[in-house]
Protein backbone atom coordinates (compact mmCIF):
# COMPACT_ATOMS: atom_id res chain seq x y z
CA MET A 1 -42.04 114.28 -45.78
CA SER A 2 -38.53 112.85 -45.32
CA VAL A 3 -37.85 109.18 -45.59
CA ASN A 4 -35.56 107.73 -42.89
CA PRO A 5 -33.43 104.83 -43.92
CA PRO A 6 -34.22 101.53 -42.22
CA ASP A 7 -32.22 100.30 -39.29
CA GLY A 8 -29.56 97.64 -39.74
CA PRO A 9 -26.87 97.18 -42.32
CA GLN A 10 -27.69 98.16 -45.84
CA ASP A 11 -26.42 96.62 -48.98
CA GLY A 12 -23.30 98.20 -50.26
CA PRO A 13 -20.58 99.97 -48.46
CA ASP A 14 -21.32 102.29 -45.69
CA PRO A 15 -20.49 105.71 -46.92
CA ASN A 16 -19.76 106.85 -43.40
CA GLN A 17 -17.14 104.08 -42.73
CA PRO A 18 -13.74 104.41 -44.17
CA GLN A 19 -12.82 101.73 -46.67
CA ASN A 20 -9.58 99.79 -46.55
CA PRO A 21 -8.25 99.92 -49.99
CA GLN A 22 -6.38 96.59 -49.57
CA TYR A 23 -9.54 94.62 -48.77
CA PRO A 24 -12.37 95.87 -50.86
CA GLN A 25 -15.83 94.69 -49.96
CA ASN A 26 -17.32 91.84 -52.00
CA PRO A 27 -14.28 91.19 -54.14
CA GLN A 28 -14.86 89.36 -57.36
CA TYR A 29 -12.56 86.35 -57.50
CA PRO A 30 -11.52 85.27 -60.90
CA GLN A 31 -13.05 82.05 -61.98
CA ASN A 32 -10.98 79.03 -62.81
CA PRO A 33 -11.56 78.26 -66.41
CA GLN A 34 -11.13 74.54 -65.72
CA TYR A 35 -13.99 74.48 -63.28
CA PRO A 36 -16.69 76.84 -64.56
CA GLN A 37 -19.35 77.63 -62.08
CA ASN A 38 -22.89 77.16 -63.08
CA PRO A 39 -24.85 80.30 -62.91
CA PRO A 40 -27.26 80.30 -60.01
CA GLY A 41 -30.56 78.76 -60.82
CA ASN A 42 -29.37 76.73 -63.76
CA PHE A 43 -28.15 73.61 -62.02
CA PRO A 44 -27.98 70.67 -64.35
CA PRO A 45 -30.81 68.16 -63.99
CA PRO A 46 -30.20 65.28 -61.74
CA SER A 47 -28.17 62.72 -63.42
CA GLY A 48 -30.85 60.33 -64.54
CA ASN A 49 -28.79 58.81 -67.26
CA ASN A 50 -25.89 57.93 -65.07
CA PRO A 51 -24.86 54.33 -65.54
CA PRO A 52 -26.72 52.07 -63.15
CA PRO A 53 -24.92 50.96 -60.10
CA PRO A 54 -22.94 47.94 -60.80
CA GLY A 55 -25.35 45.08 -60.40
CA ASN A 56 -23.46 42.29 -62.03
CA TYR A 57 -21.20 41.55 -59.18
CA PRO A 58 -20.65 37.85 -58.82
CA PRO A 59 -23.38 36.36 -56.68
CA PRO A 60 -22.77 36.30 -53.00
CA GLY A 61 -20.54 33.60 -51.96
CA GLY A 62 -23.06 30.78 -51.85
CA ASN A 63 -21.36 28.75 -54.49
CA TYR A 64 -18.03 28.66 -52.90
CA PRO A 65 -16.40 25.34 -53.43
CA PRO A 66 -17.54 22.99 -50.68
CA PRO A 67 -15.31 22.74 -47.69
CA PRO A 68 -12.83 20.01 -48.09
CA GLY A 69 -14.67 16.91 -47.00
CA ASN A 70 -12.19 14.28 -47.90
CA TYR A 71 -9.96 14.76 -44.96
CA PRO A 72 -8.97 11.46 -43.46
CA PRO A 73 -11.59 10.36 -40.91
CA PRO A 74 -11.06 11.49 -37.35
CA GLY A 75 -8.56 9.45 -35.54
CA GLY A 76 -10.76 6.58 -34.53
CA ASN A 77 -8.43 3.98 -35.87
CA TYR A 78 -5.42 5.01 -33.91
CA PRO A 79 -3.62 2.02 -32.51
CA PRO A 80 -5.09 1.17 -29.10
CA PRO A 81 -3.27 2.57 -26.10
CA PRO A 82 -0.64 0.23 -24.89
CA GLY A 83 -2.37 -2.15 -22.55
CA ASN A 84 0.28 -4.71 -21.97
CA TYR A 85 2.30 -2.89 -19.43
CA PRO A 86 3.82 -5.29 -16.98
CA PRO A 87 1.62 -5.63 -13.90
CA PRO A 88 2.64 -3.62 -10.86
CA PRO A 89 4.95 -5.43 -8.54
CA GLY A 90 2.84 -7.49 -6.23
CA ASN A 91 4.72 -9.99 -4.17
CA TYR A 92 5.92 -7.70 -1.46
CA PRO A 93 6.12 -9.43 1.86
CA PRO A 94 2.87 -8.84 3.74
CA PRO A 95 2.73 -6.65 6.81
CA PRO A 96 2.80 -8.53 10.06
CA GLY A 97 -0.57 -9.80 11.03
CA ASN A 98 -3.04 -12.56 10.59
CA TYR A 99 -2.99 -12.86 6.86
CA GLY A 100 -3.37 -15.74 4.48
CA GLY A 101 -1.01 -17.68 2.29
CA GLY A 102 1.09 -16.62 -0.63
CA TYR A 103 3.86 -15.11 1.45
CA GLY A 104 7.54 -15.80 1.28
CA ALA A 105 8.68 -13.84 -1.77
CA GLY A 106 12.41 -14.27 -2.09
CA LEU A 107 12.46 -17.62 -0.32
CA PRO A 108 13.55 -20.73 -2.23
CA PRO A 109 10.81 -22.77 -3.90
CA THR A 110 11.56 -25.94 -1.96
CA LEU A 111 12.65 -26.69 1.57
CA ASN A 112 16.23 -27.64 2.28
CA VAL A 113 17.24 -28.64 5.81
CA GLY A 114 20.64 -26.98 5.60
CA ASP A 115 19.15 -23.76 4.23
CA ALA A 116 16.58 -23.64 7.03
CA ILE A 117 19.21 -24.00 9.76
CA SER A 118 21.51 -21.46 8.07
CA TYR A 119 18.60 -19.04 7.76
CA GLY A 120 17.77 -19.48 11.44
CA TRP A 121 21.36 -18.84 12.49
CA ASN A 122 21.94 -15.83 10.23
CA THR A 123 18.64 -14.23 11.20
CA PHE A 124 19.37 -14.72 14.89
CA LYS A 125 22.87 -13.30 14.44
CA ASN A 126 21.52 -10.13 12.80
CA ASN A 127 19.18 -9.44 15.73
CA ALA A 128 20.90 -11.37 18.51
CA GLY A 129 20.37 -8.83 21.28
CA VAL A 130 16.60 -8.83 20.96
CA TRP A 131 16.34 -12.61 20.69
CA VAL A 132 18.59 -13.27 23.67
CA GLY A 133 16.65 -10.64 25.59
CA ILE A 134 13.26 -12.23 24.90
CA VAL A 135 14.53 -15.70 25.87
CA LEU A 136 15.97 -14.29 29.11
CA ILE A 137 12.67 -12.57 29.88
CA ALA A 138 10.80 -15.82 29.27
CA GLY A 139 13.18 -17.72 31.55
CA VAL A 140 12.93 -15.18 34.35
CA ILE A 141 9.12 -15.24 34.18
CA GLN A 142 9.05 -19.01 34.45
CA ILE A 143 11.45 -19.00 37.40
CA VAL A 144 9.40 -16.36 39.22
CA LEU A 145 6.18 -18.32 38.70
CA SER A 146 7.79 -21.50 39.94
CA PHE A 147 9.01 -19.73 43.05
CA VAL A 148 5.64 -18.06 43.74
CA PHE A 149 3.55 -21.19 43.39
CA GLY A 150 5.94 -23.88 44.52
CA GLY A 151 8.99 -22.31 46.06
CA PHE A 152 11.96 -24.57 46.34
CA ASP A 153 10.26 -27.04 48.65
CA THR A 154 12.03 -30.38 48.60
CA SER A 155 9.45 -32.06 50.82
CA SER A 156 8.83 -35.71 50.08
CA ASP A 157 5.14 -35.37 50.86
CA PHE A 158 3.54 -36.45 47.55
CA SER A 159 0.09 -35.21 48.53
CA ASP A 160 1.41 -31.66 48.70
CA SER A 161 1.74 -31.69 44.90
CA PHE A 162 -2.06 -31.83 44.59
CA SER A 163 -2.86 -28.85 46.76
CA ALA A 164 -5.11 -26.20 45.25
CA TRP A 165 -2.29 -23.68 45.22
CA ARG A 166 0.03 -26.03 43.36
CA ILE A 167 -2.65 -26.91 40.84
CA LEU A 168 -3.37 -23.22 40.24
CA GLY A 169 0.35 -22.57 39.88
CA SER A 170 0.68 -25.34 37.30
CA LEU A 171 -2.19 -23.93 35.27
CA VAL A 172 -0.83 -20.37 35.36
CA THR A 173 2.67 -21.53 34.48
CA ALA A 174 1.37 -23.60 31.58
CA VAL A 175 -0.71 -20.74 30.15
CA VAL A 176 2.21 -18.32 30.44
CA GLY A 177 4.39 -20.92 28.72
CA TYR A 178 1.91 -21.13 25.84
CA LEU A 179 1.94 -17.37 25.42
CA ILE A 180 5.74 -17.23 25.53
CA ASN A 181 5.89 -19.89 22.82
CA ALA A 182 3.40 -17.85 20.76
CA ALA A 183 5.50 -14.71 21.26
CA LEU A 184 8.60 -16.46 19.91
CA ILE A 185 6.67 -17.65 16.86
CA ARG A 186 5.29 -14.14 16.33
CA GLY A 187 8.84 -12.78 16.38
CA ALA A 188 10.01 -15.42 13.90
CA LEU A 189 7.16 -14.52 11.53
CA HIS A 190 8.24 -10.87 11.74
CA GLU A 191 11.79 -11.85 10.81
CA ILE A 192 10.77 -13.97 7.83
CA ASP A 193 8.42 -11.27 6.57
CA GLY A 194 11.28 -8.78 6.58
CA ASN A 195 10.39 -6.85 9.75
CA LYS A 196 13.12 -7.01 12.34
CA PRO A 197 11.22 -7.21 15.63
CA ALA A 198 11.76 -5.28 18.82
CA ILE A 199 10.80 -6.76 22.19
CA GLY A 200 7.27 -5.40 21.98
CA SER A 201 6.77 -6.87 18.50
CA PHE A 202 6.84 -10.40 19.93
CA PHE A 203 3.52 -9.83 21.66
CA GLN A 204 1.60 -8.54 18.64
CA PHE A 205 -1.11 -11.17 18.58
CA GLY A 206 -4.71 -10.84 19.65
CA ASN A 207 -6.15 -14.36 19.37
CA VAL A 208 -5.09 -15.38 22.86
CA ALA A 209 -8.05 -17.71 23.43
CA SER A 210 -7.27 -19.73 20.29
CA ILE A 211 -3.60 -19.93 21.27
CA ILE A 212 -4.43 -21.30 24.73
CA ILE A 213 -7.10 -23.73 23.51
CA ALA A 214 -4.90 -25.04 20.68
CA SER A 215 -1.94 -25.50 23.04
CA ILE A 216 -4.08 -27.39 25.59
CA LEU A 217 -5.53 -29.69 22.91
CA VAL A 218 -2.11 -30.43 21.46
CA GLY A 219 -0.74 -31.09 24.96
CA ILE A 220 -3.54 -33.55 25.71
CA MET A 221 -3.11 -35.36 22.38
CA VAL A 222 0.65 -35.66 22.72
CA GLY A 223 0.34 -36.73 26.39
CA ILE A 224 -2.04 -39.52 25.48
CA GLY A 225 0.28 -40.53 22.65
CA PHE A 226 3.25 -40.82 25.00
CA VAL A 227 1.21 -42.97 27.32
CA LEU A 228 0.58 -45.27 24.34
CA LEU A 229 4.16 -46.54 24.07
CA ILE A 230 5.75 -43.15 23.30
CA ILE A 231 5.87 -43.55 19.50
CA PRO A 232 2.34 -42.21 18.94
CA GLY A 233 3.23 -39.24 21.12
CA ILE A 234 6.27 -38.46 18.98
CA VAL A 235 4.20 -38.74 15.80
CA LEU A 236 1.48 -36.47 17.17
CA ALA A 237 4.02 -33.92 18.41
CA PHE A 238 5.56 -33.90 14.94
CA LEU A 239 2.25 -33.53 13.08
CA THR A 240 1.01 -30.73 15.34
CA TRP A 241 4.33 -28.86 15.18
CA TRP A 242 2.91 -25.87 13.26
CA THR A 243 -0.40 -25.51 15.07
CA LEU A 244 0.48 -22.16 16.62
CA GLN A 245 1.93 -20.89 13.34
CA PHE A 246 -1.47 -21.38 11.73
CA VAL A 247 -3.28 -19.79 14.69
CA ILE A 248 -1.05 -16.72 14.78
CA ASP A 249 -0.28 -16.26 11.10
CA ARG A 250 -3.71 -17.09 9.67
CA ASN A 251 -5.93 -16.45 12.66
CA GLU A 252 -7.35 -19.96 12.50
CA ASP A 253 -9.28 -21.44 15.37
CA ALA A 254 -7.73 -24.25 17.40
CA ILE A 255 -9.32 -27.21 15.60
CA THR A 256 -8.71 -25.78 12.13
CA ALA A 257 -5.10 -24.99 12.98
CA ILE A 258 -4.47 -28.54 14.18
CA LYS A 259 -5.95 -29.92 10.95
CA SER A 260 -3.90 -27.48 8.86
CA SER A 261 -0.71 -28.53 10.64
CA PHE A 262 -1.50 -32.21 10.09
CA LYS A 263 -2.11 -31.61 6.38
CA ALA A 264 0.93 -29.40 5.72
CA ILE A 265 3.43 -31.55 7.61
CA SER A 266 2.17 -34.91 6.35
CA ALA A 267 2.49 -33.59 2.78
CA ASN A 268 6.19 -32.78 3.39
CA ALA A 269 6.99 -35.36 6.04
CA GLY A 270 10.40 -36.43 4.73
CA PRO A 271 12.36 -33.16 4.78
CA LEU A 272 10.46 -31.87 7.80
CA PHE A 273 11.27 -34.96 9.85
CA LEU A 274 14.96 -34.51 9.04
CA LEU A 275 14.68 -30.84 10.05
CA ALA A 276 12.97 -31.77 13.32
CA LEU A 277 15.75 -34.24 14.17
CA ALA A 278 18.43 -31.65 13.35
CA LEU A 279 16.78 -28.97 15.49
CA PHE A 280 16.32 -31.41 18.37
CA GLY A 281 20.03 -32.18 18.24
CA ILE A 282 20.91 -28.48 18.24
CA ASN A 283 18.84 -27.91 21.38
CA VAL A 284 20.47 -30.88 23.09
CA LEU A 285 23.83 -29.25 22.42
CA GLY A 286 22.53 -26.00 23.87
CA LEU A 287 21.33 -27.85 26.96
CA ILE A 288 24.68 -29.50 27.43
CA ALA A 289 26.44 -26.11 27.30
CA CYS A 290 25.32 -25.31 30.84
CA LEU A 291 21.92 -24.11 29.60
CA VAL A 292 23.57 -20.95 28.27
CA GLY A 293 23.54 -22.40 24.78
CA LEU A 294 19.75 -22.42 24.88
CA LEU A 295 19.83 -18.63 24.60
CA VAL A 296 21.06 -19.24 21.05
CA THR A 297 19.58 -22.59 20.09
CA ILE A 298 15.97 -21.79 21.06
CA PRO A 299 15.76 -18.73 18.77
CA VAL A 300 17.55 -20.56 15.94
CA THR A 301 15.12 -23.48 16.30
CA ILE A 302 12.03 -21.28 16.31
CA ILE A 303 13.19 -19.23 13.32
CA ALA A 304 14.24 -22.28 11.28
CA SER A 305 10.96 -24.13 11.89
CA THR A 306 8.89 -21.04 11.04
CA TYR A 307 11.00 -20.54 7.91
CA ALA A 308 10.11 -24.10 6.89
CA TYR A 309 6.45 -23.35 7.61
CA ARG A 310 6.52 -20.27 5.38
CA ILE A 311 8.16 -22.09 2.46
CA THR A 312 5.84 -25.08 2.71
CA THR A 313 2.54 -23.23 3.12
CA ARG A 314 3.04 -19.94 1.27
CA ASN A 315 0.92 -21.04 -1.71
CA ALA A 316 -1.59 -23.03 0.27
CA PRO A 317 -5.18 -21.71 0.23
CA VAL A 318 -6.40 -19.97 3.34
């Protein structure tokens, strides 16, 4: 029986395949004498006597020197923030309206008659067109009312003066006159507070009832005073001079405004009486100048008297 060789590659060279003489099968490489190879199967035992792994490292960093704890304490003792800054500027002139005292920054501390008249003149001069215009408007209104309710009747019939129409006309004319006077004072307050008024600014007041009531009460008081030998009437007219200033500027009611005027003027009676005499003389000169001078003297008078009011009462409590 013949034995067939097993399938697959056999150990050793295939006798049927030509051999390449340059690349012999299974060459034997020379061993490097410096690195001898262990014969197979005789590996050295595991290195049990190797030196132990280094175990004497310094202990983990738990004994580091403590963090520096002697830093200076946190800045709690810094010098306090500067707290003595100068206060914000405060004495600006107040906006126009019914505000209290403490106004008049930039005005002199005391009243001087010459300064008041000079202030009235210079202020008028710087806004002359508006002031002349408002006085002309006031004059035209009064003339129209007189014509409507009385005409130019020169009748000698005395009883005609007490007709219902004439009485109504007198009341309407008086009330309009009170409001015109209030408008001029409102304009003067605008000027002194640093707000140059236009025509419409003169009528920026809302307490009309107090203006009318205060004007009627003052008129009655002064009328009774003139009946009592004139001198009491002059005194009452002088002491109630600033009634409408207190009504318009501080929004006081009629009785309170009359009391405030009494108190303020009586406390400064000397210089204010001299101012009143000077302003009366100026208006007399305006009247003599064919009434045309009143277009100048009325505004100057109103501004100067309101200037005196502002200086005298600016620090008074409301």
